[in-house]
C-alpha atoms as a PDB file:
ATOM      1  CA  UNK A   1      19.951  -5.884  20.475  1.00  0.00           C
ATOM      2  CA  UNK A   2      19.885  -2.167  19.423  1.00  0.00           C
ATOM      3  CA  UNK A   3      20.443  -0.897  15.727  1.00  0.00           C
ATOM      4  CA  UNK A   4      23.699   0.456  14.782  1.00  0.00           C
ATOM      5  CA  UNK A   5      23.764   4.226  15.044  1.00  0.00           C
ATOM      6  CA  UNK A   6      22.900   6.109  11.899  1.00  0.00           C
ATOM      7  CA  UNK A   7      25.660   7.833   9.863  1.00  0.00           C
ATOM      8  CA  UNK A   8      25.349  11.348  10.247  1.00  0.00           C
ATOM      9  CA  UNK A   9      25.093  12.318   6.102  1.00  0.00           C
ATOM     10  CA  UNK A  10      22.554   9.217   5.942  1.00  0.00           C
ATOM     11  CA  UNK A  11      20.563  11.238   8.765  1.00  0.00           C
ATOM     12  CA  UNK A  12      20.823  14.658   6.664  1.00  0.00           C
ATOM     13  CA  UNK A  13      19.746  12.871   3.382  1.00  0.00           C
ATOM     14  CA  UNK A  14      16.571  11.248   4.952  1.00  0.00           C
ATOM     15  CA  UNK A  15      15.877  14.864   6.337  1.00  0.00           C
ATOM     16  CA  UNK A  16      16.300  16.193   2.866  1.00  0.00           C
ATOM     17  CA  UNK A  17      14.030  13.524   1.416  1.00  0.00           C
ATOM     18  CA  UNK A  18      11.394  13.819   3.864  1.00  0.00           C
ATOM     19  CA  UNK A  19      10.848  17.405   2.656  1.00  0.00           C
ATOM     20  CA  UNK A  20      11.103  16.422  -0.995  1.00  0.00           C
ATOM     21  CA  UNK A  21       8.614  13.825  -0.827  1.00  0.00           C
ATOM     22  CA  UNK A  22       6.286  16.015   1.341  1.00  0.00           C
ATOM     23  CA  UNK A  23       6.412  17.837  -2.520  1.00  0.00           C
ATOM     24  CA  UNK A  24       6.158  15.116  -4.899  1.00  0.00           C
ATOM     25  CA  UNK A  25       3.607  12.267  -2.872  1.00  0.00           C
ATOM     26  CA  UNK A  26       0.542  13.067  -4.929  1.00  0.00           C
ATOM     27  CA  UNK A  27       2.310  13.667  -8.022  1.00  0.00           C
ATOM     28  CA  UNK A  28       2.476  10.981 -11.058  1.00  0.00           C
ATOM     29  CA  UNK A  29       5.670  10.034 -12.400  1.00  0.00           C
ATOM     30  CA  UNK A  30       6.375  10.257 -15.950  1.00  0.00           C
ATOM     31  CA  UNK A  31       7.638  12.957 -18.427  1.00  0.00           C
ATOM     32  CA  UNK A  32       5.748  15.986 -16.877  1.00  0.00           C
ATOM     33  CA  UNK A  33       6.908  14.895 -13.475  1.00  0.00           C
ATOM     34  CA  UNK A  34      10.470  14.604 -14.814  1.00  0.00           C
ATOM     35  CA  UNK A  35      10.516  18.003 -16.546  1.00  0.00           C
ATOM     36  CA  UNK A  36       9.035  19.712 -13.431  1.00  0.00           C
ATOM     37  CA  UNK A  37      11.501  18.475 -11.238  1.00  0.00           C
ATOM     38  CA  UNK A  38      14.523  19.145 -13.588  1.00  0.00           C
ATOM     39  CA  UNK A  39      13.096  22.817 -13.683  1.00  0.00           C
ATOM     40  CA  UNK A  40      12.510  23.238 -10.133  1.00  0.00           C
ATOM     41  CA  UNK A  41      15.038  21.168  -8.462  1.00  0.00           C
ATOM     42  CA  UNK A  42      17.502  20.276 -11.130  1.00  0.00           C
ATOM     43  CA  UNK A  43      21.794  20.807 -10.555  1.00  0.00           C
ATOM     44  CA  UNK A  44      22.410  24.223  -9.319  1.00  0.00           C
ATOM     45  CA  UNK A  45      19.510  24.062  -6.653  1.00  0.00           C
ATOM     46  CA  UNK A  46      19.665  23.680  -2.942  1.00  0.00           C
ATOM     47  CA  UNK A  47      17.710  20.480  -3.105  1.00  0.00           C
ATOM     48  CA  UNK A  48      19.725  18.900  -5.826  1.00  0.00           C
ATOM     49  CA  UNK A  49      22.954  19.973  -4.845  1.00  0.00           C
ATOM     50  CA  UNK A  50      22.550  19.099  -1.240  1.00  0.00           C
ATOM     51  CA  UNK A  51      21.323  15.576  -2.191  1.00  0.00           C
ATOM     52  CA  UNK A  52      24.312  15.056  -4.601  1.00  0.00           C
ATOM     53  CA  UNK A  53      27.029  16.361  -2.127  1.00  0.00           C
ATOM     54  CA  UNK A  54      25.833  14.084   0.555  1.00  0.00           C
ATOM     55  CA  UNK A  55      25.844  10.987  -1.758  1.00  0.00           C
ATOM     56  CA  UNK A  56      29.144  12.055  -3.564  1.00  0.00           C
ATOM     57  CA  UNK A  57      30.555  12.231   0.313  1.00  0.00           C
ATOM     58  CA  UNK A  58      28.901   8.975   1.271  1.00  0.00           C
ATOM     59  CA  UNK A  59      30.881   6.990  -1.796  1.00  0.00           C
ATOM     60  CA  UNK A  60      34.068   8.705  -1.606  1.00  0.00           C
ATOM     61  CA  UNK A  61      34.533   8.222   1.758  1.00  0.00           C
ATOM     62  CA  UNK A  62      32.974   4.806   1.909  1.00  0.00           C
ATOM     63  CA  UNK A  63      30.703   5.557   4.747  1.00  0.00           C
ATOM     64  CA  UNK A  64      29.010   2.524   4.123  1.00  0.00           C
ATOM     65  CA  UNK A  65      25.340   3.800   4.018  1.00  0.00           C
ATOM     66  CA  UNK A  66      25.310   4.377   0.024  1.00  0.00           C
ATOM     67  CA  UNK A  67      25.884   1.754  -2.734  1.00  0.00           C
ATOM     68  CA  UNK A  68      27.579  -0.311  -0.321  1.00  0.00           C
ATOM     69  CA  UNK A  69      26.234  -3.942  -1.780  1.00  0.00           C
ATOM     70  CA  UNK A  70      27.999  -5.495  -4.699  1.00  0.00           C
ATOM     71  CA  UNK A  71      25.748  -6.693  -7.281  1.00  0.00           C
ATOM     72  CA  UNK A  72      28.145  -7.385  -9.989  1.00  0.00           C
ATOM     73  CA  UNK A  73      31.418  -6.919  -8.448  1.00  0.00           C
ATOM     74  CA  UNK A  74      32.524  -3.388  -7.598  1.00  0.00           C
ATOM     75  CA  UNK A  75      31.302  -1.868 -10.698  1.00  0.00           C
ATOM     76  CA  UNK A  76      27.644  -2.311  -9.879  1.00  0.00           C
ATOM     77  CA  UNK A  77      26.595  -1.798  -6.143  1.00  0.00           C
ATOM     78  CA  UNK A  78      23.726  -0.365  -4.401  1.00  0.00           C
ATOM     79  CA  UNK A  79      22.039  -0.074  -1.203  1.00  0.00           C
ATOM     80  CA  UNK A  80      18.409   0.086   0.268  1.00  0.00           C
ATOM     81  CA  UNK A  81      18.903   3.446   2.131  1.00  0.00           C
ATOM     82  CA  UNK A  82      15.058   3.257   3.165  1.00  0.00           C
ATOM     83  CA  UNK A  83      12.132   0.700   2.802  1.00  0.00           C
ATOM     84  CA  UNK A  84       8.767   2.458   2.344  1.00  0.00           C
ATOM     85  CA  UNK A  85       8.070   3.726   5.780  1.00  0.00           C
ATOM     86  CA  UNK A  86       5.913   6.659   7.513  1.00  0.00           C
ATOM     87  CA  UNK A  87       9.147   8.919   7.802  1.00  0.00           C
ATOM     88  CA  UNK A  88       9.355   8.787   3.956  1.00  0.00           C
ATOM     89  CA  UNK A  89       5.777   9.119   3.118  1.00  0.00           C
ATOM     90  CA  UNK A  90       6.020   5.421   1.821  1.00  0.00           C
ATOM     91  CA  UNK A  91       8.737   6.299  -1.014  1.00  0.00           C
ATOM     92  CA  UNK A  92      11.700   3.902  -0.829  1.00  0.00           C
ATOM     93  CA  UNK A  93      15.105   5.122  -1.438  1.00  0.00           C
ATOM     94  CA  UNK A  94      17.844   2.849  -3.023  1.00  0.00           C
ATOM     95  CA  UNK A  95      21.353   4.080  -4.213  1.00  0.00           C
ATOM     96  CA  UNK A  96      22.538   2.522  -6.945  1.00  0.00           C
ATOM     97  CA  UNK A  97      26.266   2.901  -8.242  1.00  0.00           C
ATOM     98  CA  UNK A  98      27.399   1.872 -11.803  1.00  0.00           C
ATOM     99  CA  UNK A  99      31.086   2.452 -12.751  1.00  0.00           C
ATOM    100  CA  UNK A 100      30.809   2.289 -16.671  1.00  0.00           C
ATOM    101  CA  UNK A 101      34.144   3.157 -18.179  1.00  0.00           C
ATOM    102  CA  UNK A 102      33.052   0.565 -20.786  1.00  0.00           C
ATOM    103  CA  UNK A 103      29.365   0.955 -21.450  1.00  0.00           C
ATOM    104  CA  UNK A 104      27.600  -0.967 -18.787  1.00  0.00           C
ATOM    105  CA  UNK A 105      24.165  -2.194 -18.187  1.00  0.00           C
ATOM    106  CA  UNK A 106      22.544  -2.398 -14.979  1.00  0.00           C
ATOM    107  CA  UNK A 107      19.678  -4.947 -13.922  1.00  0.00           C
ATOM    108  CA  UNK A 108      16.760  -4.857 -16.195  1.00  0.00           C
ATOM    109  CA  UNK A 109      13.789  -3.927 -14.058  1.00  0.00           C
ATOM    110  CA  UNK A 110      10.276  -2.519 -14.223  1.00  0.00           C
ATOM    111  CA  UNK A 111       8.622   0.278 -12.519  1.00  0.00           C
ATOM    112  CA  UNK A 112       4.996  -1.173 -11.562  1.00  0.00           C
ATOM    113  CA  UNK A 113       4.198   2.422  -9.842  1.00  0.00           C
ATOM    114  CA  UNK A 114       6.586   4.438 -11.419  1.00  0.00           C
ATOM    115  CA  UNK A 115       9.890   6.279 -10.239  1.00  0.00           C
ATOM    116  CA  UNK A 116      11.548   9.398  -9.139  1.00  0.00           C
ATOM    117  CA  UNK A 117      15.340   9.159  -9.447  1.00  0.00           C
ATOM    118  CA  UNK A 118      18.091  11.765  -8.589  1.00  0.00           C
ATOM    119  CA  UNK A 119      21.147  11.124 -10.769  1.00  0.00           C
ATOM    120  CA  UNK A 120      24.313  12.103  -9.210  1.00  0.00           C
ATOM    121  CA  UNK A 121      27.158  11.410 -11.509  1.00  0.00           C
ATOM    122  CA  UNK A 122      30.481  11.152  -9.469  1.00  0.00           C
ATOM    123  CA  UNK A 123      32.190  12.059 -13.134  1.00  0.00           C
ATOM    124  CA  UNK A 124      31.208  15.166 -14.870  1.00  0.00           C
ATOM    125  CA  UNK A 125      31.180  13.419 -17.759  1.00  0.00           C
ATOM    126  CA  UNK A 126      29.001  10.329 -16.896  1.00  0.00           C
ATOM    127  CA  UNK A 127      25.733   9.718 -18.219  1.00  0.00           C
ATOM    128  CA  UNK A 128      22.664   7.292 -17.616  1.00  0.00           C
ATOM    129  CA  UNK A 129      20.496   5.634 -20.166  1.00  0.00           C
ATOM    130  CA  UNK A 130      17.426   6.760 -18.758  1.00  0.00           C
ATOM    131  CA  UNK A 131      13.625   6.411 -20.255  1.00  0.00           C
ATOM    132  CA  UNK A 132      14.329   9.634 -22.535  1.00  0.00           C
ATOM    133  CA  UNK A 133      17.838   8.829 -23.542  1.00  0.00           C
ATOM    134  CA  UNK A 134      21.303   9.485 -21.858  1.00  0.00           C
ATOM    135  CA  UNK A 135      21.778  12.109 -19.717  1.00  0.00           C
ATOM    136  CA  UNK A 136      23.830  13.497 -16.623  1.00  0.00           C
ATOM    137  CA  UNK A 137      22.944  15.001 -13.424  1.00  0.00           C
ATOM    138  CA  UNK A 138      19.250  15.937 -12.716  1.00  0.00           C
ATOM    139  CA  UNK A 139      16.100  13.727 -12.489  1.00  0.00           C
ATOM    140  CA  UNK A 140      14.475  11.044 -14.266  1.00  0.00           C
ATOM    141  CA  UNK A 141      10.962   9.648 -13.721  1.00  0.00           C
ATOM    142  CA  UNK A 142      10.180   6.613 -15.500  1.00  0.00           C
ATOM    143  CA  UNK A 143       6.432   6.387 -15.402  1.00  0.00           C
ATOM    144  CA  UNK A 144       4.198   3.440 -13.937  1.00  0.00           C
ATOM    145  CA  UNK A 145       4.617   0.158 -16.218  1.00  0.00           C
ATOM    146  CA  UNK A 146       7.767   1.308 -17.845  1.00  0.00           C
ATOM    147  CA  UNK A 147      10.804  -1.107 -17.808  1.00  0.00           C
ATOM    148  CA  UNK A 148      14.620  -0.971 -19.005  1.00  0.00           C
ATOM    149  CA  UNK A 149      18.257  -1.460 -18.442  1.00  0.00           C
ATOM    150  CA  UNK A 150      19.785   1.264 -16.960  1.00  0.00           C
END
């Protein structure tokens, strides 16, 4: 049995992510990387805006590849977009959706090797509690060994 065809917007996201991973594969997650990503690839740059547009379109049109699996009802969903593999330079890609009209805490988790997150608010006023406090669109990069509730 063959795998179902890949949604074209998912393919575009993976292609964009591949180019991004080539740039960051040897960098260490943490505050320095977070600052570098926000300075070089933050909102208003082609990389961030292209990725954000694909994610927003995937959620808005219910394309089935982004944040489709309910974790805590429809307000907290995720999708494993890609496991670590050669195509992604052994980065994994996960999309998380949190609808927090009221303050909402996601799952407590840790980052044994660190993490790089592209924050894509669907609403301009939305913010995520990251490692450096509340923030809207941009990048977070929790260092290895960090842990938190998003």
